[in-house]
Amino acid sequence: MKQFMPSLFILLLGVVIFTTGCGGSQGQQAVAQAAPPEEEKVVPVEVAVAQRGQMALVLDYAGTLEAKDSLNIMPGANGRIESVMIETGDEVQAGDPIAIIEDDTYLAQLKQAEVAVTSARLNLAKMELGSRPEEIAAAQAAVELARAALNDVATINDDERTRSVADLARAEAELKAAQSEYDKIAWAGDVGQTPQAIRLQQATIAYQNALARYNLDTNPSDSQLAPLMLQQAQAELALALKLQPYRQIDFEAARAAIQQAEAALELANIQLGEVVIKAPFDGIVAELNISQGSRVSPQTNVASFISKEIEVVVNVPENRIGQIKEGQNAALQMTAYPGQSFPGVVSSIAPVANKDTRTFEVKITPTKGADLLHSGMYANVSILAEEKQNTLLAPRTAVFDTGNQPLVYVVNDDNTVEQRPVSTGLFDKENIEILSGLKPGETVVTAGQSNLTDGAKVELTNDPRIAK
């Protein structure tokens, strides 16, 4: 029994292995015969050929037509409007009169200024002539007279001296005689009213007067000489003023007075000219605020003018302002003229951005057809910022971006595709500029890229190579 059990186990194991091997081989053959062979997958795509052409960067903005120049007219004079020569909507030339202010007051001021100029000039001419000869002669005579008067007092000649000495001696002798007679009766007492006393008193007074005259004649006092010296000095000053009545500074002051009067005359002429209100430039009367009889002043807005020249103002974002330059061509489309385009040119670019919108004000001036355009019209503006000739172009739908770099699928001759990175430049609604990564004449996929992988087989639904 022990020998039979191992032999039975080995026999059963062999049967199982044999049965399993035969069954597996037959299963595999059955599966192989049931599954058909796999076919290579072909993706249908649309394609286009990269080729050279022209590419332009056009920037589109919306704006409003505005007059190039506009101005509120303020008169330079006060007064009542005498006449008005314009009406709203009139076209005027620079310098044309538009209104006249009454000028009576300004004419009077002008005459007054002319008289002031004449007076100032005559005053200078009179100063340059100097004093009259007879005035000088009279002043010289006054000096001589004053000198003579002073000399008479200050100088004593021999005759005067002898006379003064004689008068003094005579008075002294009379005084001695009177004293002698008085001495004869003085002992009697109470002789004050006697003839001798009276004679002595008179003789004393006469002597004192004679002595005083002698002293004055022989040695004049300052009180005598001072008035005469002052009189002489005044006479000499008057003579000097007659000989040279004006100094250089007086002539300069007179010339300055002439200049001041002439300036006042010029101002009067300017003010008189301001009574005619004139057009500041060639333009159109947009608004008229006066009529005949109106009273105006330099603060009155009498009319508003706009120039015939117009421009479109657009606001360009700061990320585009570097692509816009003065002189670039532009095209204007107006809703008032559907289907018509007006050529223009970029005429100015604001140097500073608007702090609120961060945009730059750009002005475009129409170069043709401006006579059809009016201030206030709405305009669509297309600015030709950049233009390239003979550059490589591909359809915009051929380029897709994975986030790192733009890519295209290039179709090889065996209808397989190659994923290729490219660098791009300008673009418009249909095409994009290829700067590198693609050659002229190569075929690129324009539709169906979402089903492609690098090396995939494609079927061209519009093979431009065949059409060519």
Protein backbone atom coordinates (compact mmCIF):
# COMPACT_ATOMS: atom_id res chain seq x y z
CA MET A 1 0.00 0.00 0.00
CA LYS A 2 2.79 2.43 0.79
CA GLN A 3 4.44 1.74 -2.60
CA PHE A 4 1.16 2.29 -4.57
CA MET A 5 0.39 5.85 -3.31
CA PRO A 6 3.52 7.65 -4.67
CA SER A 7 3.14 5.95 -8.05
CA LEU A 8 -0.52 7.04 -8.32
CA PHE A 9 0.37 10.68 -7.47
CA ILE A 10 3.03 10.81 -10.18
CA LEU A 11 0.64 9.38 -12.76
CA LEU A 12 -2.09 11.92 -11.98
CA LEU A 13 0.39 14.83 -12.13
CA GLY A 14 1.52 13.83 -15.60
CA VAL A 15 -2.04 13.63 -16.89
CA VAL A 16 -2.78 17.20 -15.64
CA ILE A 17 0.33 18.67 -17.25
CA PHE A 18 -0.38 17.04 -20.57
CA THR A 19 -4.00 18.15 -20.58
CA THR A 20 -3.11 21.78 -19.72
CA GLY A 21 -0.44 22.08 -22.43
CA CYS A 22 -2.68 20.84 -25.17
CA GLY A 23 -5.60 23.12 -24.15
CA GLY A 24 -3.42 26.33 -23.98
CA SER A 25 -1.93 25.85 -27.43
CA GLN A 26 -5.32 25.36 -29.02
CA GLY A 27 -6.71 28.58 -27.24
CA GLN A 28 -3.92 30.76 -28.51
CA GLN A 29 -4.38 29.52 -32.04
CA ALA A 30 -8.10 30.26 -31.83
CA VAL A 31 -7.52 33.88 -30.61
CA ALA A 32 -4.91 34.52 -33.29
CA GLN A 33 -7.27 33.31 -35.96
CA ALA A 34 -10.19 35.49 -34.59
CA ALA A 35 -8.33 39.07 -34.36
CA PRO A 36 -7.63 40.81 -37.72
CA PRO A 37 -4.27 42.59 -38.18
CA GLU A 38 -4.12 46.32 -36.90
CA GLU A 39 -4.12 49.14 -39.61
CA GLU A 40 -2.11 52.44 -39.21
CA LYS A 41 -4.38 55.39 -38.11
CA VAL A 42 -4.62 58.35 -40.60
CA VAL A 43 -5.80 61.80 -39.35
CA PRO A 44 -7.62 64.08 -41.83
CA VAL A 45 -6.26 67.69 -41.73
CA GLU A 46 -6.36 70.93 -43.67
CA VAL A 47 -3.07 72.48 -44.72
CA ALA A 48 -1.55 75.57 -46.30
CA VAL A 49 1.86 76.47 -47.76
CA ALA A 50 4.09 79.04 -46.01
CA GLN A 51 5.09 81.74 -48.46
CA ARG A 52 6.54 85.20 -48.60
CA GLY A 53 4.34 88.26 -48.73
CA GLN A 54 3.53 91.65 -47.20
CA MET A 55 2.58 92.06 -43.55
CA ALA A 56 1.37 95.23 -41.84
CA LEU A 57 0.64 96.06 -38.20
CA VAL A 58 -2.57 98.09 -38.15
CA LEU A 59 -3.86 99.53 -34.88
CA ASP A 60 -7.55 100.42 -34.69
CA TYR A 61 -9.01 103.08 -32.42
CA ALA A 62 -12.14 105.19 -32.15
CA GLY A 63 -12.11 108.95 -31.81
CA THR A 64 -13.90 112.21 -32.51
CA LEU A 65 -13.11 114.88 -35.06
CA GLU A 66 -12.12 118.15 -33.44
CA ALA A 67 -11.10 121.55 -34.76
CA LYS A 68 -7.33 121.90 -34.72
CA ASP A 69 -7.65 125.37 -33.18
CA SER A 70 -10.50 126.88 -31.20
CA LEU A 71 -10.65 130.20 -29.41
CA ASN A 72 -13.04 132.42 -27.48
CA ILE A 73 -12.63 136.02 -28.68
CA MET A 74 -12.23 138.66 -25.98
CA PRO A 75 -12.07 142.36 -27.05
CA GLY A 76 -9.16 144.54 -26.01
CA ALA A 77 -11.31 147.61 -25.42
CA ASN A 78 -14.34 148.68 -23.40
CA GLY A 79 -17.41 150.23 -24.94
CA ARG A 80 -20.58 149.83 -26.90
CA ILE A 81 -20.72 147.72 -30.07
CA GLU A 82 -21.18 150.04 -33.03
CA SER A 83 -21.55 147.36 -35.70
CA VAL A 84 -21.27 143.57 -36.18
CA MET A 85 -19.94 142.17 -39.47
CA ILE A 86 -20.38 138.41 -39.03
CA GLU A 87 -22.97 135.75 -38.31
CA THR A 88 -22.74 132.27 -36.85
CA GLY A 89 -21.40 129.84 -39.44
CA ASP A 90 -19.55 132.46 -41.51
CA GLU A 91 -16.09 131.63 -42.81
CA VAL A 92 -13.54 134.37 -42.12
CA GLN A 93 -9.90 135.06 -42.89
CA ALA A 94 -7.30 135.99 -40.29
CA GLY A 95 -7.49 139.74 -39.64
CA ASP A 96 -11.02 140.24 -40.96
CA PRO A 97 -13.03 142.67 -38.79
CA ILE A 98 -15.90 140.98 -36.99
CA ALA A 99 -17.19 143.89 -34.87
CA ILE A 100 -16.39 147.56 -34.10
CA ILE A 101 -16.58 149.31 -30.72
CA GLU A 102 -17.38 153.04 -30.46
CA ASP A 103 -14.06 154.95 -30.45
CA ASP A 104 -14.89 158.49 -29.15
CA THR A 105 -13.19 157.98 -25.79
CA TYR A 106 -10.10 156.40 -27.34
CA LEU A 107 -9.74 159.23 -29.90
CA ALA A 108 -9.75 161.76 -27.07
CA GLN A 109 -7.15 159.78 -25.16
CA LEU A 110 -5.01 159.64 -28.30
CA LYS A 111 -5.11 163.44 -28.74
CA GLN A 112 -4.22 163.90 -25.09
CA ALA A 113 -1.24 161.59 -25.47
CA GLU A 114 -0.08 163.44 -28.60
CA VAL A 115 -0.16 166.77 -26.74
CA ALA A 116 1.85 165.25 -23.88
CA VAL A 117 4.55 164.08 -26.30
CA THR A 118 4.75 167.54 -27.92
CA SER A 119 5.01 169.22 -24.52
CA ALA A 120 7.79 166.90 -23.35
CA ARG A 121 9.79 167.47 -26.53
CA LEU A 122 9.39 171.26 -26.32
CA ASN A 123 10.55 171.20 -22.72
CA LEU A 124 13.77 169.44 -23.74
CA ALA A 125 14.33 171.87 -26.60
CA LYS A 126 13.87 174.81 -24.22
CA MET A 127 16.36 173.33 -21.80
CA GLU A 128 18.91 172.86 -24.57
CA LEU A 129 18.60 176.56 -25.54
CA GLY A 130 19.49 177.66 -22.00
CA SER A 131 18.91 181.18 -20.53
CA ARG A 132 18.29 184.28 -22.59
CA PRO A 133 21.18 186.77 -22.92
CA GLU A 134 19.20 189.53 -21.19
CA GLU A 135 18.51 187.18 -18.26
CA ILE A 136 22.22 186.53 -17.91
CA ALA A 137 23.00 190.27 -18.14
CA ALA A 138 20.47 191.09 -15.43
CA ALA A 139 21.92 188.42 -13.15
CA GLN A 140 25.43 189.76 -13.71
CA ALA A 141 24.27 193.28 -12.85
CA ALA A 142 22.68 192.03 -9.65
CA VAL A 143 25.95 190.39 -8.66
CA GLU A 144 27.92 193.58 -9.29
CA LEU A 145 25.43 195.63 -7.29
CA ALA A 146 25.60 193.24 -4.34
CA ARG A 147 29.37 193.26 -4.45
CA ALA A 148 29.42 197.07 -4.50
CA ALA A 149 27.08 197.31 -1.52
CA LEU A 150 29.23 194.93 0.46
CA ASN A 151 32.38 196.75 -0.58
CA ASP A 152 30.96 200.08 0.50
CA VAL A 153 30.38 198.82 3.97
CA ALA A 154 33.48 196.72 4.29
CA THR A 155 35.93 199.29 2.82
CA ILE A 156 36.63 202.79 4.40
CA ASN A 157 38.43 205.36 2.20
CA ASP A 158 40.55 208.29 3.52
CA ASP A 159 37.80 210.91 3.12
CA GLU A 160 35.34 208.87 5.10
CA ARG A 161 37.95 208.13 7.73
CA THR A 162 38.88 211.88 8.03
CA ARG A 163 35.21 212.87 8.27
CA SER A 164 34.58 210.28 10.98
CA VAL A 165 37.62 211.45 12.96
CA ALA A 166 36.58 215.12 12.63
CA ASP A 167 33.04 214.41 13.73
CA LEU A 168 34.33 212.48 16.71
CA ALA A 169 36.80 215.27 17.67
CA ARG A 170 34.11 217.92 17.36
CA ALA A 171 31.72 215.95 19.53
CA GLU A 172 34.47 215.40 22.06
CA ALA A 173 35.28 219.16 22.17
CA GLU A 174 31.63 220.03 22.65
CA LEU A 175 31.42 217.50 25.42
CA LYS A 176 34.42 219.01 27.20
CA ALA A 177 33.02 222.53 26.90
CA ALA A 178 29.67 221.46 28.25
CA GLN A 179 31.36 219.63 31.07
CA SER A 180 33.32 222.74 31.96
CA GLU A 181 30.20 224.92 32.11
CA TYR A 182 28.38 222.32 34.16
CA ASP A 183 31.26 222.06 36.62
CA LYS A 184 30.93 225.80 37.38
CA ILE A 185 27.44 225.38 38.79
CA ALA A 186 27.55 221.86 40.06
CA TRP A 187 28.45 223.06 43.59
CA ALA A 188 25.13 224.90 43.96
CA GLY A 189 23.08 221.68 44.06
CA ASP A 190 19.78 220.88 42.30
CA VAL A 191 21.18 221.81 38.91
CA GLY A 192 19.54 218.95 36.96
CA GLN A 193 17.27 221.23 34.97
CA THR A 194 19.70 224.02 34.36
CA PRO A 195 20.79 224.88 30.82
CA GLN A 196 24.32 223.72 31.65
CA ALA A 197 23.08 220.28 32.70
CA ILE A 198 20.93 219.90 29.59
CA ARG A 199 23.79 220.97 27.34
CA LEU A 200 26.10 218.45 29.02
CA GLN A 201 23.55 215.65 28.46
CA GLN A 202 23.14 216.56 24.79
CA ALA A 203 26.89 216.80 24.28
CA THR A 204 27.33 213.37 25.87
CA ILE A 205 24.77 211.80 23.52
CA ALA A 206 26.30 213.47 20.49
CA TYR A 207 29.73 212.21 21.46
CA GLN A 208 28.50 208.65 21.90
CA ASN A 209 26.82 208.78 18.48
CA ALA A 210 29.95 210.13 16.89
CA LEU A 211 32.01 207.42 18.53
CA ALA A 212 29.63 204.73 17.31
CA ARG A 213 29.74 206.11 13.76
CA TYR A 214 33.49 206.23 13.92
CA ASN A 215 33.66 202.60 15.03
CA LEU A 216 31.25 201.49 12.28
CA ASP A 217 33.06 203.47 9.64
CA THR A 218 36.48 202.22 10.59
CA ASN A 219 35.50 198.59 11.55
CA PRO A 220 32.06 197.31 10.24
CA SER A 221 30.37 194.65 12.40
CA ASP A 222 29.22 191.17 11.33
CA SER A 223 25.62 192.27 11.66
CA GLN A 224 26.29 194.88 8.99
CA LEU A 225 28.25 192.61 6.67
CA ALA A 226 26.15 189.37 6.93
CA PRO A 227 23.03 190.63 5.06
CA LEU A 228 25.19 192.13 2.36
CA MET A 229 27.24 188.94 2.02
CA LEU A 230 24.04 186.87 1.77
CA GLN A 231 22.68 189.20 -0.86
CA GLN A 232 25.89 188.85 -2.86
CA ALA A 233 25.82 185.01 -2.58
CA GLN A 234 22.23 184.88 -3.77
CA ALA A 235 23.04 187.12 -6.72
CA GLU A 236 26.03 184.95 -7.67
CA LEU A 237 23.89 181.76 -7.43
CA ALA A 238 21.24 183.30 -9.66
CA LEU A 239 23.95 184.19 -12.20
CA ALA A 240 25.35 180.64 -12.12
CA LEU A 241 21.89 179.19 -12.72
CA LYS A 242 21.39 181.54 -15.65
CA LEU A 243 24.75 180.56 -17.13
CA GLN A 244 24.11 176.82 -16.65
CA PRO A 245 20.46 176.31 -15.72
CA TYR A 246 20.41 172.49 -16.16
CA ARG A 247 22.67 169.60 -15.25
CA GLN A 248 23.11 166.36 -17.17
CA ILE A 249 20.64 164.56 -14.93
CA ASP A 250 18.01 167.21 -15.78
CA PHE A 251 18.44 166.46 -19.49
CA GLU A 252 18.17 162.72 -18.82
CA ALA A 253 14.98 163.29 -16.83
CA ALA A 254 13.57 165.37 -19.69
CA ARG A 255 14.39 162.62 -22.21
CA ALA A 256 12.80 160.04 -19.90
CA ALA A 257 9.67 162.22 -19.77
CA ILE A 258 9.60 162.17 -23.59
CA GLN A 259 9.89 158.37 -23.63
CA GLN A 260 7.11 158.08 -21.08
CA ALA A 261 4.88 160.36 -23.14
CA GLU A 262 5.69 158.41 -26.32
CA ALA A 263 4.85 155.13 -24.56
CA ALA A 264 1.52 156.59 -23.47
CA LEU A 265 0.91 157.66 -27.09
CA GLU A 266 1.72 154.17 -28.34
CA LEU A 267 -0.64 152.68 -25.76
CA ALA A 268 -3.36 155.08 -26.85
CA ASN A 269 -2.85 154.00 -30.47
CA ILE A 270 -3.02 150.33 -29.46
CA GLN A 271 -6.20 150.91 -27.49
CA LEU A 272 -7.72 152.76 -30.43
CA GLY A 273 -6.83 149.82 -32.68
CA GLU A 274 -8.53 147.44 -30.27
CA VAL A 275 -11.93 148.96 -31.02
CA VAL A 276 -11.89 146.85 -34.21
CA ILE A 277 -12.31 143.21 -33.13
CA LYS A 278 -10.60 140.95 -35.71
CA ALA A 279 -10.60 137.27 -36.57
CA PRO A 280 -7.53 135.58 -35.02
CA PHE A 281 -7.10 132.96 -37.77
CA ASP A 282 -8.76 131.48 -40.83
CA GLY A 283 -11.79 129.70 -39.51
CA ILE A 284 -15.50 129.51 -38.89
CA VAL A 285 -17.69 131.46 -36.47
CA ALA A 286 -18.98 128.74 -34.17
CA GLU A 287 -20.84 131.05 -31.79
CA LEU A 288 -21.72 134.76 -31.71
CA ASN A 289 -22.62 136.40 -28.38
CA ILE A 290 -23.00 140.10 -29.27
CA SER A 291 -25.27 142.38 -31.28
CA GLN A 292 -25.25 146.06 -32.18
CA GLY A 293 -25.52 148.15 -29.01
CA SER A 294 -24.10 145.48 -26.72
CA ARG A 295 -21.65 146.74 -24.12
CA VAL A 296 -18.42 144.77 -23.90
CA SER A 297 -15.21 144.66 -21.87
CA PRO A 298 -11.97 142.65 -22.06
CA GLN A 299 -13.75 139.94 -20.00
CA THR A 300 -16.63 139.55 -22.50
CA ASN A 301 -16.69 136.45 -24.73
CA VAL A 302 -17.97 138.06 -27.93
CA ALA A 303 -17.58 135.02 -30.23
CA SER A 304 -16.13 131.52 -30.51
CA PHE A 305 -13.97 130.58 -33.50
CA ILE A 306 -12.85 127.19 -34.76
CA SER A 307 -10.29 126.54 -37.49
CA LYS A 308 -11.21 124.89 -40.76
CA GLU A 309 -8.39 122.40 -40.16
CA ILE A 310 -9.57 119.37 -38.19
CA GLU A 311 -7.97 116.36 -36.53
CA VAL A 312 -9.00 113.14 -34.84
CA VAL A 313 -7.98 112.57 -31.25
CA VAL A 314 -7.59 108.96 -30.06
CA ASN A 315 -6.32 107.52 -26.78
CA VAL A 316 -3.59 104.90 -27.19
CA PRO A 317 -2.69 102.50 -24.32
CA GLU A 318 0.87 102.70 -23.02
CA ASN A 319 1.67 99.17 -24.25
CA ARG A 320 1.11 100.38 -27.83
CA ILE A 321 2.46 103.91 -27.74
CA GLY A 322 5.99 102.75 -28.59
CA GLN A 323 4.72 101.48 -31.95
CA ILE A 324 3.22 104.82 -32.98
CA LYS A 325 5.33 107.62 -34.43
CA GLU A 326 4.63 110.97 -36.04
CA GLY A 327 4.25 110.76 -39.79
CA GLN A 328 2.71 107.27 -39.86
CA ASN A 329 -0.12 106.80 -42.34
CA ALA A 330 -3.67 106.28 -41.15
CA ALA A 331 -7.15 105.76 -42.55
CA LEU A 332 -10.36 107.30 -41.23
CA GLN A 333 -13.86 105.85 -41.62
CA MET A 334 -16.89 107.99 -40.77
CA THR A 335 -20.41 106.82 -40.11
CA ALA A 336 -21.52 109.84 -42.15
CA TYR A 337 -19.73 108.39 -45.22
CA PRO A 338 -20.17 104.59 -45.07
CA GLY A 339 -17.76 102.63 -47.24
CA GLN A 340 -15.49 105.65 -47.77
CA SER A 341 -12.01 105.94 -46.32
CA PHE A 342 -10.18 109.23 -45.74
CA PRO A 343 -6.35 109.16 -45.66
CA GLY A 344 -4.55 110.80 -42.76
CA VAL A 345 -1.26 111.02 -40.94
CA VAL A 346 -0.21 110.93 -37.28
CA SER A 347 0.50 114.60 -36.53
CA SER A 348 1.28 114.63 -32.79
CA ILE A 349 1.76 112.34 -29.80
CA ALA A 350 1.27 113.55 -26.24
CA PRO A 351 4.54 113.36 -24.28
CA VAL A 352 2.75 112.52 -21.03
CA ALA A 353 0.10 109.87 -20.33
CA ASN A 354 -3.24 110.64 -18.77
CA LYS A 355 -2.72 109.79 -15.10
CA ASP A 356 -6.23 108.34 -14.76
CA THR A 357 -6.51 106.22 -17.93
CA ARG A 358 -2.79 105.59 -18.54
CA THR A 359 -3.34 106.41 -22.21
CA PHE A 360 -1.58 108.83 -24.53
CA GLU A 361 -3.44 111.34 -26.67
CA VAL A 362 -2.57 110.88 -30.35
CA LYS A 363 -3.79 113.26 -33.07
CA ILE A 364 -4.36 112.24 -36.70
CA THR A 365 -4.77 114.91 -39.37
CA PRO A 366 -6.73 114.08 -42.56
CA THR A 367 -4.67 114.68 -45.71
CA LYS A 368 -7.52 114.50 -48.23
CA GLY A 369 -11.25 115.14 -48.13
CA ALA A 370 -11.08 117.39 -45.08
CA ASP A 371 -13.65 119.70 -46.63
CA LEU A 372 -16.24 116.92 -46.17
CA LEU A 373 -15.46 116.45 -42.51
CA HIS A 374 -16.84 118.44 -39.61
CA SER A 375 -15.93 118.88 -35.99
CA GLY A 376 -17.81 116.48 -33.71
CA MET A 377 -18.04 113.57 -36.17
CA TYR A 378 -17.32 110.08 -34.88
CA ALA A 379 -14.39 108.33 -36.59
CA ASN A 380 -12.82 104.88 -36.67
CA VAL A 381 -9.07 105.26 -37.12
CA SER A 382 -6.66 102.63 -38.45
CA ILE A 383 -2.99 103.49 -37.95
CA LEU A 384 -0.36 101.69 -40.05
CA ALA A 385 2.16 101.21 -37.25
CA GLU A 386 4.58 98.90 -39.11
CA GLU A 387 4.85 97.30 -42.55
CA LYS A 388 7.17 94.55 -43.86
CA GLN A 389 7.76 93.43 -47.44
CA ASN A 390 8.76 89.92 -48.60
CA THR A 391 8.46 88.34 -45.16
CA LEU A 392 7.49 84.69 -44.48
CA LEU A 393 3.79 84.25 -43.71
CA ALA A 394 1.60 81.40 -42.52
CA PRO A 395 -2.10 81.25 -41.63
CA ARG A 396 -2.77 82.24 -38.04
CA THR A 397 -4.65 78.94 -37.53
CA ALA A 398 -1.43 77.03 -38.25
CA VAL A 399 0.26 78.33 -35.07
CA PHE A 400 -0.75 77.09 -31.65
CA ASP A 401 0.81 77.76 -28.30
CA THR A 402 1.46 75.16 -25.63
CA GLY A 403 2.39 77.80 -23.07
CA ASN A 404 6.13 77.78 -23.66
CA GLN A 405 6.61 78.52 -27.36
CA PRO A 406 4.50 78.75 -30.52
CA LEU A 407 4.40 75.48 -32.55
CA VAL A 408 3.35 74.33 -36.01
CA TYR A 409 2.86 70.90 -37.61
CA VAL A 410 4.88 70.61 -40.83
CA VAL A 411 3.71 67.98 -43.37
CA ASN A 412 6.54 65.89 -44.79
CA ASP A 413 6.58 64.33 -48.28
CA ASP A 414 5.38 60.97 -46.84
CA ASN A 415 2.36 62.71 -45.32
CA THR A 416 3.66 62.42 -41.80
CA VAL A 417 3.78 65.51 -39.60
CA GLU A 418 6.62 67.06 -37.66
CA GLN A 419 5.98 69.22 -34.64
CA ARG A 420 8.26 72.26 -34.95
CA PRO A 421 8.76 75.34 -32.69
CA VAL A 422 8.67 78.75 -34.41
CA SER A 423 9.07 82.42 -33.48
CA THR A 424 6.48 84.89 -34.71
CA GLY A 425 6.22 88.58 -35.46
CA LEU A 426 3.45 90.74 -36.88
CA PHE A 427 0.00 89.38 -37.57
CA ASP A 428 -3.34 90.42 -39.00
CA LYS A 429 -6.77 88.79 -39.13
CA GLU A 430 -5.60 85.97 -41.43
CA ASN A 431 -1.82 85.60 -41.43
CA ILE A 432 1.09 85.73 -39.02
CA GLU A 433 4.74 86.50 -39.66
CA ILE A 434 7.18 83.59 -39.09
CA LEU A 435 10.59 84.86 -38.05
CA SER A 436 12.28 81.45 -37.61
CA GLY A 437 11.52 77.70 -37.59
CA LEU A 438 9.87 77.51 -41.01
CA LYS A 439 10.98 77.81 -44.64
CA PRO A 440 9.12 79.18 -47.64
CA GLY A 441 7.21 76.43 -49.47
CA GLU A 442 6.77 74.13 -46.47
CA THR A 443 3.26 72.85 -45.83
CA VAL A 444 1.72 73.41 -42.41
CA VAL A 445 -1.45 72.04 -40.83
CA THR A 446 -4.16 74.68 -40.42
CA ALA A 447 -6.99 72.54 -39.02
CA GLY A 448 -7.08 69.23 -37.09
CA GLN A 449 -4.04 69.77 -34.84
CA SER A 450 -5.90 68.58 -31.74
CA ASN A 451 -5.78 64.99 -33.05
CA LEU A 452 -2.10 65.06 -34.01
CA THR A 453 1.10 63.90 -32.38
CA ASP A 454 4.63 64.22 -33.65
CA GLY A 455 5.13 61.74 -36.55
CA ALA A 456 1.44 61.01 -37.10
CA LYS A 457 0.15 60.06 -40.53
CA VAL A 458 -2.26 62.58 -42.05
CA GLU A 459 -4.68 62.79 -44.93
CA LEU A 460 -4.77 66.19 -46.66
CA THR A 461 -8.33 67.22 -47.35
CA ASN A 462 -7.11 70.30 -49.30
CA ASP A 463 -3.62 69.57 -50.63
CA PRO A 464 -2.33 72.91 -51.97
CA ARG A 465 0.68 71.12 -53.42
CA ILE A 466 -1.60 69.22 -55.85
CA ALA A 467 -3.47 72.38 -56.76
CA LYS A 468 -0.19 74.09 -57.45
